[in-house]
Amino acid sequence: MLIARLIAEPDHLSTRLDAAKADLARSGVRIASASMLDFCGQTMEIDTPDDDAAALRAGLDAHFVPSDGLVCRAEPVVPRVFISDMDSTMIGQECIDELADFAGLKERIAAITERAMQGELDFEQALRERVGLLEGLSVEAIGECLAGRIRPMPGAKVLVETLKKLGCRTVLVTGGFHHFADPVAEQLGFEHVVGNRLGVAGGKLTGGLAGPVVDSSVKKATLLAEIAAAGEGATSLATGDGANDIPMLEAATYGIAYRAKPKARAAANGWIDRGDLTSVLRLLGVPEKDWVRE
């Protein structure tokens, strides 16, 4: 059995459901029930006895655009562990691209970032290349960048603080840098941070990294370690947007791709294309009365 939670334009939910059911039936997915969740407004729950998640998602994507959704094999619950990417997921920027602007290199570095996020370049190689281009930049530029350019995604703090209140462990894991991730984590309420460290000497960036690289394998390993620490049967949530997030999205109970690149969206069993990050709470079935407001 599969359960889909779906948030879409209200008129689409009422006018397109019959056509979606008919198309899904032709692809071998029978809809047993479809109803709005009264305790979590705007969200429809769709149940099917068939076990073809790819066909179910394709049918929903064909009829409900844009939408936010989650497909899973059991009623969603509040996870014990939440692990999230930072850049373009919890914040609206790519930190290295914004920092590069202070060195007059934003266009050049942003092009490398985009290709890495699309999965076209090796992550570590692309990271080291971009960091190398920042050699000699004053550390003071990081503070200026943080203050003037880095902003949380809408709903980010509500999501993190609500999950934390409900007993969920919250971890920010990023292929970006502690210089940015530590203050972002403090602002949003994350309890732990895993990230890369920029090399610094004499108040300037060295163009290198201090310590090992946090890549996709580290993101997944961090998730698995947190799940193990939470205890047997612990459910998990991961959010991300790029190719570097795919392994942790696939490993999580609920892997939700936020405004994601195509490869990341396809790998996840949840997606946010329409709303802000509070849609994650709606898809998990957390009533608004339980949200921690900013």
Protein backbone atom coordinates (compact mmCIF):
# COMPACT_ATOMS: atom_id res chain seq x y z
CA MET A 1 0.00 0.00 0.00
CA LEU A 2 1.15 3.54 -0.76
CA ILE A 3 0.08 6.79 0.86
CA ALA A 4 0.51 10.10 -0.94
CA ARG A 5 0.11 13.48 0.70
CA LEU A 6 -0.46 16.28 -1.81
CA ILE A 7 -0.70 20.07 -1.60
CA ALA A 8 -1.76 21.86 -4.79
CA GLU A 9 -3.91 24.73 -5.98
CA PRO A 10 -7.30 24.23 -4.26
CA ASP A 11 -9.26 24.29 -7.50
CA HIS A 12 -6.87 21.74 -9.02
CA LEU A 13 -7.51 19.32 -6.16
CA SER A 14 -11.24 19.45 -6.85
CA THR A 15 -11.25 19.61 -10.67
CA ARG A 16 -8.35 17.40 -11.70
CA LEU A 17 -8.68 14.48 -9.32
CA ASP A 18 -11.02 12.39 -11.50
CA ALA A 19 -8.74 12.74 -14.53
CA ALA A 20 -5.73 11.85 -12.41
CA LYS A 21 -7.52 8.74 -11.07
CA ALA A 22 -8.38 7.62 -14.59
CA ASP A 23 -4.81 8.05 -15.85
CA LEU A 24 -3.40 6.29 -12.80
CA ALA A 25 -5.79 3.37 -13.28
CA ARG A 26 -4.56 2.99 -16.86
CA SER A 27 -1.01 2.77 -15.51
CA GLY A 28 -2.01 0.10 -12.98
CA VAL A 29 -2.40 2.30 -9.90
CA ARG A 30 -5.86 2.08 -8.33
CA ILE A 31 -6.92 4.87 -5.97
CA ALA A 32 -8.70 3.44 -2.93
CA SER A 33 -9.49 6.80 -1.35
CA ALA A 34 -8.72 10.50 -1.66
CA SER A 35 -9.75 13.00 1.01
CA MET A 36 -8.66 16.26 2.57
CA LEU A 37 -6.97 16.12 5.96
CA ASP A 38 -9.10 18.29 8.22
CA PHE A 39 -6.37 18.52 10.88
CA CYS A 40 -3.82 19.76 8.37
CA GLY A 41 -5.46 22.22 5.98
CA GLN A 42 -4.71 22.28 2.26
CA THR A 43 -3.45 18.69 2.24
CA MET A 44 -5.07 15.77 0.43
CA GLU A 45 -4.28 12.16 1.31
CA ILE A 46 -4.46 9.57 -1.47
CA ASP A 47 -4.27 5.83 -0.75
CA THR A 48 -3.60 3.04 -3.22
CA PRO A 49 -3.27 -0.73 -2.66
CA ASP A 50 -0.72 -0.87 -5.48
CA ASP A 51 3.02 -0.57 -4.91
CA ASP A 52 4.26 1.49 -7.84
CA ALA A 53 5.57 4.73 -6.35
CA ALA A 54 7.07 5.90 -9.64
CA ALA A 55 3.76 5.57 -11.49
CA LEU A 56 1.88 7.28 -8.67
CA ARG A 57 4.28 10.21 -8.68
CA ALA A 58 4.18 10.48 -12.46
CA GLY A 59 0.39 10.62 -12.37
CA LEU A 60 0.36 13.30 -9.70
CA ASP A 61 3.00 15.33 -11.52
CA ALA A 62 1.00 15.16 -14.73
CA HIS A 63 -2.13 16.67 -13.21
CA PHE A 64 -1.05 18.82 -10.26
CA VAL A 65 1.53 21.47 -11.14
CA PRO A 66 2.92 23.06 -9.09
CA SER A 67 2.53 20.86 -6.04
CA ASP A 68 4.15 19.72 -2.82
CA GLY A 69 3.97 16.03 -2.06
CA LEU A 70 5.18 12.97 -0.22
CA VAL A 71 4.80 9.30 -1.17
CA CYS A 72 5.47 6.64 1.46
CA ARG A 73 4.39 3.17 2.57
CA ALA A 74 3.02 4.05 6.00
CA GLU A 75 1.18 6.94 7.60
CA PRO A 76 3.74 9.76 7.99
CA VAL A 77 4.88 10.55 11.53
CA VAL A 78 7.07 13.20 13.12
CA PRO A 79 10.65 12.00 12.52
CA ARG A 80 13.19 11.42 15.27
CA VAL A 81 15.99 12.88 13.14
CA PHE A 82 15.98 15.84 10.75
CA ILE A 83 19.04 16.53 8.63
CA SER A 84 19.17 19.31 6.07
CA ASP A 85 21.36 20.84 3.44
CA MET A 86 21.95 24.58 3.86
CA ASP A 87 22.56 26.48 0.60
CA SER A 88 19.40 26.94 -1.51
CA THR A 89 17.51 24.79 1.02
CA MET A 90 17.59 26.43 4.45
CA ILE A 91 18.90 29.70 3.03
CA GLY A 92 18.07 31.28 -0.31
CA GLN A 93 21.65 31.70 -1.50
CA GLU A 94 24.75 29.74 -2.44
CA CYS A 95 27.27 31.14 0.05
CA ILE A 96 30.36 30.56 -2.07
CA ASP A 97 28.76 32.36 -5.02
CA GLU A 98 27.89 35.38 -2.89
CA LEU A 99 31.35 35.41 -1.32
CA ALA A 100 32.88 35.23 -4.77
CA ASP A 101 31.17 38.50 -5.64
CA PHE A 102 33.48 40.25 -3.16
CA ALA A 103 36.40 38.96 -5.22
CA GLY A 104 34.77 39.94 -8.52
CA LEU A 105 34.39 36.28 -9.50
CA LYS A 106 30.71 35.54 -8.91
CA GLU A 107 29.78 34.71 -12.50
CA ARG A 108 32.73 32.36 -12.94
CA ILE A 109 32.26 30.56 -9.62
CA ALA A 110 28.45 30.42 -9.88
CA ALA A 111 28.75 28.57 -13.20
CA ILE A 112 30.86 25.88 -11.50
CA THR A 113 28.41 25.71 -8.58
CA GLU A 114 25.46 25.16 -10.90
CA ARG A 115 27.16 22.35 -12.79
CA ALA A 116 28.13 20.66 -9.51
CA MET A 117 24.56 20.89 -8.19
CA GLN A 118 23.24 19.40 -11.41
CA GLY A 119 25.60 16.46 -10.92
CA GLU A 120 27.74 17.30 -13.95
CA LEU A 121 31.00 17.77 -12.01
CA ASP A 122 32.77 15.87 -9.25
CA PHE A 123 31.78 17.68 -6.05
CA GLU A 124 35.16 17.73 -4.30
CA GLN A 125 37.03 18.79 -7.42
CA ALA A 126 34.53 21.57 -8.07
CA LEU A 127 34.67 22.71 -4.43
CA ARG A 128 38.46 22.88 -4.33
CA GLU A 129 38.54 24.73 -7.66
CA ARG A 130 36.10 27.38 -6.42
CA VAL A 131 37.81 27.80 -3.04
CA GLY A 132 41.15 28.14 -4.80
CA LEU A 133 39.84 31.11 -6.74
CA LEU A 134 39.12 32.91 -3.45
CA GLU A 135 42.77 32.91 -2.33
CA GLY A 136 43.72 36.22 -0.76
CA LEU A 137 40.18 37.37 0.00
CA SER A 138 39.88 39.05 3.40
CA VAL A 139 38.06 37.09 6.10
CA GLU A 140 36.14 40.30 6.80
CA ALA A 141 34.27 39.68 3.54
CA ILE A 142 32.59 36.67 5.15
CA GLY A 143 30.99 38.81 7.84
CA GLU A 144 29.88 41.36 5.27
CA CYS A 145 28.41 38.60 3.12
CA LEU A 146 26.55 37.06 6.05
CA ALA A 147 25.08 40.35 7.17
CA GLY A 148 24.16 41.71 3.77
CA ARG A 149 23.26 38.75 1.60
CA ILE A 150 22.42 35.55 3.45
CA ARG A 151 18.73 35.12 4.27
CA PRO A 152 16.72 32.12 5.54
CA MET A 153 14.22 30.45 3.27
CA PRO A 154 10.60 31.25 4.17
CA GLY A 155 9.39 28.81 6.80
CA ALA A 156 12.86 27.51 7.69
CA LYS A 157 12.85 28.57 11.34
CA VAL A 158 9.25 27.42 11.85
CA LEU A 159 10.16 23.99 10.45
CA VAL A 160 13.29 23.54 12.54
CA GLU A 161 11.88 24.87 15.81
CA THR A 162 8.63 22.92 15.44
CA LEU A 163 10.39 19.63 14.81
CA LYS A 164 12.74 20.29 17.70
CA LYS A 165 9.79 21.02 20.03
CA LEU A 166 8.24 17.70 18.97
CA GLY A 167 11.35 15.78 20.00
CA CYS A 168 13.25 15.63 16.73
CA ARG A 169 17.06 15.95 16.60
CA THR A 170 17.99 18.73 14.10
CA VAL A 171 21.26 18.70 12.16
CA LEU A 172 22.53 21.08 9.47
CA VAL A 173 24.96 19.37 7.10
CA THR A 174 26.51 21.31 4.26
CA GLY A 175 29.09 21.14 1.54
CA GLY A 176 29.53 24.81 2.37
CA PHE A 177 31.48 26.31 5.21
CA HIS A 178 31.30 26.59 9.00
CA HIS A 179 31.94 30.34 8.72
CA PHE A 180 28.40 30.56 7.30
CA ALA A 181 26.73 27.42 8.65
CA ASP A 182 27.39 28.04 12.34
CA PRO A 183 25.57 31.40 12.49
CA VAL A 184 22.80 30.13 10.19
CA ALA A 185 22.29 27.09 12.44
CA GLU A 186 22.10 29.31 15.52
CA GLN A 187 19.58 31.59 13.83
CA LEU A 188 17.31 28.75 12.70
CA GLY A 189 17.63 26.50 15.75
CA PHE A 190 19.73 23.56 14.52
CA GLU A 191 21.42 21.61 17.30
CA HIS A 192 24.47 20.39 15.39
CA VAL A 193 26.44 21.42 12.29
CA VAL A 194 28.61 19.44 9.88
CA GLY A 195 30.44 21.39 7.19
CA ASN A 196 33.70 22.30 5.50
CA ARG A 197 36.29 24.69 6.91
CA LEU A 198 37.98 27.40 4.88
CA GLY A 199 41.74 27.72 5.29
CA VAL A 200 42.69 31.07 6.83
CA ALA A 201 46.09 32.66 7.44
CA GLY A 202 46.90 36.25 8.30
CA GLY A 203 43.28 37.29 8.06
CA LYS A 204 42.94 36.09 4.47
CA LEU A 205 41.64 32.95 2.78
CA THR A 206 44.44 30.61 1.74
CA GLY A 207 42.56 29.17 -1.19
CA GLY A 208 42.44 25.78 0.51
CA LEU A 209 40.32 23.82 2.97
CA ALA A 210 41.18 22.90 6.55
CA GLY A 211 40.30 19.27 7.17
CA PRO A 212 38.38 16.65 5.18
CA VAL A 213 35.71 17.51 2.64
CA VAL A 214 32.03 17.15 3.48
CA ASP A 215 30.57 15.57 0.35
CA SER A 216 27.54 13.43 -0.45
CA SER A 217 28.98 10.39 1.32
CA VAL A 218 29.54 12.38 4.51
CA LYS A 219 25.99 13.75 4.37
CA LYS A 220 24.60 10.22 4.14
CA ALA A 221 26.96 8.91 6.83
CA THR A 222 25.90 11.75 9.14
CA LEU A 223 22.25 10.84 8.63
CA LEU A 224 22.86 7.15 9.30
CA ALA A 225 24.88 7.92 12.44
CA GLU A 226 22.13 10.17 13.79
CA ILE A 227 19.50 7.50 13.07
CA ALA A 228 21.58 4.88 14.91
CA ALA A 229 22.00 7.22 17.88
CA ALA A 230 18.23 7.84 17.97
CA GLY A 231 17.54 4.16 18.49
CA GLU A 232 16.03 1.20 16.70
CA GLY A 233 13.21 2.02 14.32
CA ALA A 234 13.90 5.78 14.34
CA THR A 235 12.31 7.62 11.43
CA SER A 236 14.22 10.33 9.62
CA LEU A 237 13.68 13.39 7.44
CA ALA A 238 16.17 14.90 5.01
CA THR A 239 15.82 18.01 2.88
CA GLY A 240 18.06 19.17 0.06
CA ASP A 241 18.12 20.47 -3.48
CA GLY A 242 21.19 19.30 -5.39
CA ALA A 243 23.02 16.21 -6.62
CA ASN A 244 25.22 16.26 -3.52
CA ASP A 245 22.11 15.62 -1.41
CA ILE A 246 20.87 12.55 -3.30
CA PRO A 247 22.38 9.80 -1.08
CA MET A 248 20.92 11.28 2.12
CA LEU A 249 17.56 11.95 0.46
CA GLU A 250 17.42 8.31 -0.64
CA ALA A 251 18.48 7.01 2.79
CA ALA A 252 15.93 9.02 4.81
CA THR A 253 12.46 7.76 5.67
CA TYR A 254 11.18 11.02 4.20
CA GLY A 255 13.55 12.54 1.67
CA ILE A 256 12.07 15.85 0.55
CA ALA A 257 13.58 17.78 -2.35
CA TYR A 258 13.07 21.52 -1.92
CA ARG A 259 12.82 23.53 -5.18
CA ALA A 260 15.34 20.99 -6.36
CA LYS A 261 17.44 20.16 -9.39
CA PRO A 262 15.82 17.41 -11.51
CA LYS A 263 18.11 14.59 -10.38
CA ALA A 264 17.57 15.37 -6.70
CA ARG A 265 13.81 15.69 -7.15
CA ALA A 266 13.65 12.31 -8.90
CA ALA A 267 15.67 10.61 -6.13
CA ALA A 268 13.50 11.87 -3.27
CA ASN A 269 10.13 10.51 -2.18
CA GLY A 270 8.90 14.00 -1.37
CA TRP A 271 9.03 17.35 -3.12
CA ILE A 272 8.31 21.02 -2.44
CA ASP A 273 7.73 22.95 -5.67
CA ARG A 274 4.85 25.22 -4.63
CA GLY A 275 4.97 26.30 -1.00
CA ASP A 276 7.61 27.23 1.55
CA LEU A 277 9.33 24.95 4.05
CA THR A 278 6.25 24.78 6.30
CA SER A 279 4.79 22.50 3.62
CA VAL A 280 7.04 19.81 5.11
CA LEU A 281 5.05 20.08 8.35
CA ARG A 282 1.75 19.82 6.49
CA LEU A 283 2.94 16.72 4.60
CA LEU A 284 3.98 15.10 7.88
CA GLY A 285 0.57 15.90 9.33
CA VAL A 286 1.65 18.41 11.97
CA PRO A 287 -1.34 20.71 12.67
CA GLU A 288 -0.72 24.46 12.48
CA LYS A 289 -1.69 24.84 16.16
CA ASP A 290 1.47 22.91 17.02
CA TRP A 291 3.82 25.02 14.92
CA VAL A 292 6.42 27.22 16.62
CA ARG A 293 5.92 30.58 14.98
CA GLU A 294 8.78 32.98 14.29
